[in-house]
Amino acid sequence: MAYAVIRTGGKQYTVREGDSLNIERIDGDPGSTVTLTDVLMVADGDNVTVGTPLVTGAVVTAEIVEHGKGEKIHVFHYKAKVRYSKRTCHRQQFTRLAIRGITS
């Protein structure tokens, strides 16, 4: 089974055909196709191609399934003996992709 390591949103992901994964939000409408060209490695059986830093000509095609927000993260800052405390929250936006193909 072929797999690839891609880079998007400052993170690296291992993907296979048919996988679904959440990445940092990217532009596009649900149902549209996206090509990811930052491919760091492609492996197909015994043939492994590692890029320097990218694999030339390798492309991963994916379909945008949906956009959404992740779970709420509570951030609490506190300094002892100064009566300082501050509470904030954050929900990271994501895009769910369905991997359709890996070409090298």
C-alpha atoms as a PDB file:
ATOM      1  CA  MET A   1       0.000   0.000   0.000  1.00  0.00           C
ATOM      2  CA  ALA A   2       1.472   3.342  -1.029  1.00  0.00           C
ATOM      3  CA  TYR A   3       1.826   6.131   1.483  1.00  0.00           C
ATOM      4  CA  ALA A   4       3.329   9.598   1.543  1.00  0.00           C
ATOM      5  CA  VAL A   5       4.523  12.146   4.079  1.00  0.00           C
ATOM      6  CA  ILE A   6       3.169  15.634   3.356  1.00  0.00           C
ATOM      7  CA  ARG A   7       3.767  19.031   4.931  1.00  0.00           C
ATOM      8  CA  THR A   8       0.949  21.528   5.421  1.00  0.00           C
ATOM      9  CA  GLY A   9       0.235  24.133   8.059  1.00  0.00           C
ATOM     10  CA  GLY A  10       3.684  23.731   9.612  1.00  0.00           C
ATOM     11  CA  LYS A  11       3.036  20.070  10.442  1.00  0.00           C
ATOM     12  CA  GLN A  12       3.828  16.754   8.774  1.00  0.00           C
ATOM     13  CA  TYR A  13       1.291  14.004   8.147  1.00  0.00           C
ATOM     14  CA  THR A  14       1.544  10.417   6.905  1.00  0.00           C
ATOM     15  CA  VAL A  15      -1.282   9.757   4.449  1.00  0.00           C
ATOM     16  CA  ARG A  16      -2.595   6.782   2.500  1.00  0.00           C
ATOM     17  CA  GLU A  17      -5.219   6.627  -0.211  1.00  0.00           C
ATOM     18  CA  GLY A  18      -8.668   6.617   1.380  1.00  0.00           C
ATOM     19  CA  ASP A  19      -7.506   8.245   4.640  1.00  0.00           C
ATOM     20  CA  SER A  20      -9.322  11.139   6.248  1.00  0.00           C
ATOM     21  CA  LEU A  21      -7.427  13.706   8.311  1.00  0.00           C
ATOM     22  CA  ASN A  22      -7.839  17.123   9.888  1.00  0.00           C
ATOM     23  CA  ILE A  23      -5.319  19.806   8.927  1.00  0.00           C
ATOM     24  CA  GLU A  24      -4.988  23.533   9.549  1.00  0.00           C
ATOM     25  CA  ARG A  25      -7.731  25.386   7.690  1.00  0.00           C
ATOM     26  CA  ILE A  26      -7.101  25.939   3.971  1.00  0.00           C
ATOM     27  CA  ASP A  27      -9.153  27.804   1.386  1.00  0.00           C
ATOM     28  CA  GLY A  28     -11.680  25.914  -0.698  1.00  0.00           C
ATOM     29  CA  ASP A  29     -15.290  24.824  -0.758  1.00  0.00           C
ATOM     30  CA  PRO A  30     -16.429  21.432   0.556  1.00  0.00           C
ATOM     31  CA  GLY A  31     -16.476  18.977  -2.332  1.00  0.00           C
ATOM     32  CA  SER A  32     -13.639  20.655  -4.226  1.00  0.00           C
ATOM     33  CA  THR A  33     -10.322  18.980  -5.001  1.00  0.00           C
ATOM     34  CA  VAL A  34      -7.007  20.164  -3.562  1.00  0.00           C
ATOM     35  CA  THR A  35      -3.498  19.217  -4.717  1.00  0.00           C
ATOM     36  CA  LEU A  36      -0.832  19.089  -2.030  1.00  0.00           C
ATOM     37  CA  THR A  37       2.618  19.549  -3.560  1.00  0.00           C
ATOM     38  CA  ASP A  38       4.756  19.664  -0.386  1.00  0.00           C
ATOM     39  CA  VAL A  39       5.498  15.922  -0.446  1.00  0.00           C
ATOM     40  CA  LEU A  40       8.518  14.967   1.671  1.00  0.00           C
ATOM     41  CA  MET A  41       8.518  11.202   1.061  1.00  0.00           C
ATOM     42  CA  VAL A  42       6.707   8.642  -1.093  1.00  0.00           C
ATOM     43  CA  ALA A  43       6.770   4.901  -0.426  1.00  0.00           C
ATOM     44  CA  ASP A  44       5.221   2.289  -2.719  1.00  0.00           C
ATOM     45  CA  GLY A  45       6.054  -1.195  -1.539  1.00  0.00           C
ATOM     46  CA  ASP A  46       9.850  -1.515  -1.526  1.00  0.00           C
ATOM     47  CA  ASN A  47      10.371   1.696  -3.538  1.00  0.00           C
ATOM     48  CA  VAL A  48      10.974   4.576  -1.114  1.00  0.00           C
ATOM     49  CA  THR A  49      11.723   8.067  -2.423  1.00  0.00           C
ATOM     50  CA  VAL A  50      12.907  10.665   0.065  1.00  0.00           C
ATOM     51  CA  GLY A  51      13.010  14.282  -1.069  1.00  0.00           C
ATOM     52  CA  THR A  52      15.711  16.867  -0.496  1.00  0.00           C
ATOM     53  CA  PRO A  53      13.574  18.466   0.950  1.00  0.00           C
ATOM     54  CA  LEU A  54      10.681  17.773  -1.482  1.00  0.00           C
ATOM     55  CA  VAL A  55      10.085  14.896  -3.885  1.00  0.00           C
ATOM     56  CA  THR A  56      10.131  16.345  -7.411  1.00  0.00           C
ATOM     57  CA  GLY A  57       6.885  15.757  -9.278  1.00  0.00           C
ATOM     58  CA  ALA A  58       5.070  14.070  -6.397  1.00  0.00           C
ATOM     59  CA  VAL A  59       1.500  15.224  -5.774  1.00  0.00           C
ATOM     60  CA  VAL A  60      -1.173  14.161  -3.295  1.00  0.00           C
ATOM     61  CA  THR A  61      -4.752  14.887  -4.377  1.00  0.00           C
ATOM     62  CA  ALA A  62      -7.430  15.272  -1.734  1.00  0.00           C
ATOM     63  CA  GLU A  63     -11.054  16.305  -1.499  1.00  0.00           C
ATOM     64  CA  ILE A  64     -12.263  18.851   1.060  1.00  0.00           C
ATOM     65  CA  VAL A  65     -14.946  17.167   3.146  1.00  0.00           C
ATOM     66  CA  GLU A  66     -15.765  19.970   5.593  1.00  0.00           C
ATOM     67  CA  HIS A  67     -14.495  22.946   7.561  1.00  0.00           C
ATOM     68  CA  GLY A  68     -14.937  23.169  11.311  1.00  0.00           C
ATOM     69  CA  LYS A  69     -13.594  24.163  14.691  1.00  0.00           C
ATOM     70  CA  GLY A  70     -11.758  21.912  17.114  1.00  0.00           C
ATOM     71  CA  GLU A  71     -12.375  21.475  20.812  1.00  0.00           C
ATOM     72  CA  LYS A  72     -12.172  24.511  23.074  1.00  0.00           C
ATOM     73  CA  ILE A  73      -8.829  24.953  24.819  1.00  0.00           C
ATOM     74  CA  HIS A  74      -8.838  26.926  28.083  1.00  0.00           C
ATOM     75  CA  VAL A  75      -5.766  29.046  28.777  1.00  0.00           C
ATOM     76  CA  PHE A  76      -5.251  30.381  32.310  1.00  0.00           C
ATOM     77  CA  HIS A  77      -2.441  32.770  33.275  1.00  0.00           C
ATOM     78  CA  TYR A  78      -1.716  33.328  36.965  1.00  0.00           C
ATOM     79  CA  LYS A  79       0.952  35.189  38.892  1.00  0.00           C
ATOM     80  CA  ALA A  80       1.220  34.531  42.598  1.00  0.00           C
ATOM     81  CA  LYS A  81       1.191  37.390  45.128  1.00  0.00           C
ATOM     82  CA  VAL A  82       0.304  40.042  42.515  1.00  0.00           C
ATOM     83  CA  ARG A  83      -3.448  39.410  42.184  1.00  0.00           C
ATOM     84  CA  TYR A  84      -3.100  38.773  38.481  1.00  0.00           C
ATOM     85  CA  SER A  85      -5.094  36.137  36.677  1.00  0.00           C
ATOM     86  CA  LYS A  86      -6.381  35.979  33.150  1.00  0.00           C
ATOM     87  CA  ARG A  87      -8.487  33.342  31.414  1.00  0.00           C
ATOM     88  CA  THR A  88      -8.900  32.998  27.648  1.00  0.00           C
ATOM     89  CA  CYS A  89     -10.155  30.287  25.339  1.00  0.00           C
ATOM     90  CA  HIS A  90      -9.314  29.203  21.822  1.00  0.00           C
ATOM     91  CA  ARG A  91     -10.876  26.964  19.162  1.00  0.00           C
ATOM     92  CA  GLN A  92      -8.593  26.091  16.260  1.00  0.00           C
ATOM     93  CA  GLN A  93     -10.169  26.009  12.801  1.00  0.00           C
ATOM     94  CA  PHE A  94      -9.553  22.896  10.701  1.00  0.00           C
ATOM     95  CA  THR A  95     -10.269  21.394   7.306  1.00  0.00           C
ATOM     96  CA  ARG A  96     -11.105  17.699   6.991  1.00  0.00           C
ATOM     97  CA  LEU A  97      -9.565  16.114   3.904  1.00  0.00           C
ATOM     98  CA  ALA A  98     -10.223  12.772   2.220  1.00  0.00           C
ATOM     99  CA  ILE A  99      -7.090  11.552   0.396  1.00  0.00           C
ATOM    100  CA  ARG A 100      -7.970  10.449  -3.156  1.00  0.00           C
ATOM    101  CA  GLY A 101      -4.606   9.702  -4.762  1.00  0.00           C
ATOM    102  CA  ILE A 102      -0.810   9.719  -4.480  1.00  0.00           C
ATOM    103  CA  THR A 103       1.265  10.198  -7.618  1.00  0.00           C
ATOM    104  CA  SER A 104       5.046  10.348  -7.762  1.00  0.00           C
END
